[in-house]
Amino acid sequence: MKCLNCGRDMVPGSVEGVNQGGGAFYEFTAEEEKKKKGIKGFFSRERIPVSTTIMDQPAWYCPNCKRILMWMEAKE
């Protein structure tokens, strides 16, 4: 896979959660949704929950940019 940032080849691998504690959650919010302001923006933003169980998820690492791209399932 090519890096989305610099275009070089990425190294395939995986990411695993180690000692994950309870109470943590992750959400995806689109850039357009982040532009909503005030009370309406707080209550009407569309947020997509992301699985917090990171058990050997596929990922790619760019040695040039030092970035990791993960492939995770949404909890929908």
C-alpha atoms as a PDB file:
ATOM      1  CA  MET A   1       0.000   0.000   0.000  1.00  0.00           C
ATOM      2  CA  LYS A   2       1.211   3.516  -0.755  1.00  0.00           C
ATOM      3  CA  CYS A   3       1.354   6.152   1.988  1.00  0.00           C
ATOM      4  CA  LEU A   4      -1.449   8.682   1.729  1.00  0.00           C
ATOM      5  CA  ASN A   5       0.937  11.394   2.918  1.00  0.00           C
ATOM      6  CA  CYS A   6       4.157  10.907   0.919  1.00  0.00           C
ATOM      7  CA  GLY A   7       3.309   8.173  -1.615  1.00  0.00           C
ATOM      8  CA  ARG A   8       6.063   5.733  -0.585  1.00  0.00           C
ATOM      9  CA  ASP A   9       5.506   2.033   0.098  1.00  0.00           C
ATOM     10  CA  MET A  10       4.149   1.226   3.558  1.00  0.00           C
ATOM     11  CA  VAL A  11       5.122  -1.787   5.659  1.00  0.00           C
ATOM     12  CA  PRO A  12       2.173  -4.152   6.359  1.00  0.00           C
ATOM     13  CA  GLY A  13       1.612  -5.384   9.916  1.00  0.00           C
ATOM     14  CA  SER A  14      -0.944  -5.186  12.702  1.00  0.00           C
ATOM     15  CA  VAL A  15      -1.822  -3.158  15.790  1.00  0.00           C
ATOM     16  CA  GLU A  16      -2.841  -4.775  19.069  1.00  0.00           C
ATOM     17  CA  GLY A  17      -4.279  -3.252  22.209  1.00  0.00           C
ATOM     18  CA  VAL A  18      -2.135  -3.891  25.289  1.00  0.00           C
ATOM     19  CA  ASN A  19      -3.575  -3.396  28.802  1.00  0.00           C
ATOM     20  CA  GLN A  20      -6.628  -1.496  27.615  1.00  0.00           C
ATOM     21  CA  GLY A  21      -8.627  -0.205  30.563  1.00  0.00           C
ATOM     22  CA  GLY A  22     -12.388   0.241  30.737  1.00  0.00           C
ATOM     23  CA  GLY A  23     -14.069   3.549  30.057  1.00  0.00           C
ATOM     24  CA  ALA A  24     -12.206   4.411  26.865  1.00  0.00           C
ATOM     25  CA  PHE A  25     -14.104   4.975  23.639  1.00  0.00           C
ATOM     26  CA  TYR A  26     -13.318   6.299  20.176  1.00  0.00           C
ATOM     27  CA  GLU A  27     -15.470   8.112  17.613  1.00  0.00           C
ATOM     28  CA  PHE A  28     -15.017   9.210  14.019  1.00  0.00           C
ATOM     29  CA  THR A  29     -16.335  12.700  13.187  1.00  0.00           C
ATOM     30  CA  ALA A  30     -16.203  13.992   9.612  1.00  0.00           C
ATOM     31  CA  GLU A  31     -14.602  17.383   8.938  1.00  0.00           C
ATOM     32  CA  GLU A  32     -17.973  18.784   7.779  1.00  0.00           C
ATOM     33  CA  GLU A  33     -19.566  17.742  11.076  1.00  0.00           C
ATOM     34  CA  LYS A  34     -16.780  19.446  13.059  1.00  0.00           C
ATOM     35  CA  LYS A  35     -17.706  22.756  11.412  1.00  0.00           C
ATOM     36  CA  LYS A  36     -21.110  22.779  13.155  1.00  0.00           C
ATOM     37  CA  LYS A  37     -21.034  25.247  16.053  1.00  0.00           C
ATOM     38  CA  GLY A  38     -23.012  26.043  19.183  1.00  0.00           C
ATOM     39  CA  ILE A  39     -25.796  23.978  20.747  1.00  0.00           C
ATOM     40  CA  LYS A  40     -26.911  22.648  17.366  1.00  0.00           C
ATOM     41  CA  GLY A  41     -23.399  21.498  16.577  1.00  0.00           C
ATOM     42  CA  PHE A  42     -23.035  19.817  19.956  1.00  0.00           C
ATOM     43  CA  PHE A  43     -26.270  17.830  19.714  1.00  0.00           C
ATOM     44  CA  SER A  44     -26.596  17.219  15.972  1.00  0.00           C
ATOM     45  CA  ARG A  45     -23.089  16.149  14.986  1.00  0.00           C
ATOM     46  CA  GLU A  46     -22.972  12.708  13.429  1.00  0.00           C
ATOM     47  CA  ARG A  47     -20.382  10.630  15.236  1.00  0.00           C
ATOM     48  CA  ILE A  48     -19.537   7.078  14.255  1.00  0.00           C
ATOM     49  CA  PRO A  49     -18.406   4.856  17.133  1.00  0.00           C
ATOM     50  CA  VAL A  50     -15.235   2.852  16.569  1.00  0.00           C
ATOM     51  CA  SER A  51     -14.527  -0.510  18.162  1.00  0.00           C
ATOM     52  CA  THR A  52     -12.370  -0.115  21.276  1.00  0.00           C
ATOM     53  CA  THR A  53     -11.241  -3.728  21.169  1.00  0.00           C
ATOM     54  CA  ILE A  54      -8.011  -3.554  19.224  1.00  0.00           C
ATOM     55  CA  MET A  55      -7.153  -7.209  18.922  1.00  0.00           C
ATOM     56  CA  ASP A  56      -4.702  -7.648  16.059  1.00  0.00           C
ATOM     57  CA  GLN A  57      -6.147  -5.096  13.601  1.00  0.00           C
ATOM     58  CA  PRO A  58      -4.524  -4.816  10.154  1.00  0.00           C
ATOM     59  CA  ALA A  59      -2.267  -1.782   9.766  1.00  0.00           C
ATOM     60  CA  TRP A  60       0.438  -0.258   7.565  1.00  0.00           C
ATOM     61  CA  TYR A  61       3.460   1.772   8.727  1.00  0.00           C
ATOM     62  CA  CYS A  62       5.298   4.423   6.700  1.00  0.00           C
ATOM     63  CA  PRO A  63       8.971   4.541   7.744  1.00  0.00           C
ATOM     64  CA  ASN A  64       9.356   7.872   5.950  1.00  0.00           C
ATOM     65  CA  CYS A  65       6.486   9.775   7.639  1.00  0.00           C
ATOM     66  CA  LYS A  66       6.443   7.709  10.859  1.00  0.00           C
ATOM     67  CA  ARG A  67       2.663   7.266  10.510  1.00  0.00           C
ATOM     68  CA  ILE A  68       0.461   4.227  10.959  1.00  0.00           C
ATOM     69  CA  LEU A  69      -2.717   3.614   8.980  1.00  0.00           C
ATOM     70  CA  MET A  70      -5.140   1.219  10.723  1.00  0.00           C
ATOM     71  CA  TRP A  71      -8.129  -0.593   9.257  1.00  0.00           C
ATOM     72  CA  MET A  72     -10.889  -0.849  11.890  1.00  0.00           C
ATOM     73  CA  GLU A  73     -14.563  -1.734  11.899  1.00  0.00           C
ATOM     74  CA  ALA A  74     -17.217   0.787  12.919  1.00  0.00           C
ATOM     75  CA  LYS A  75     -19.662  -0.316  15.654  1.00  0.00           C
ATOM     76  CA  GLU A  76     -22.737   0.255  13.490  1.00  0.00           C
END
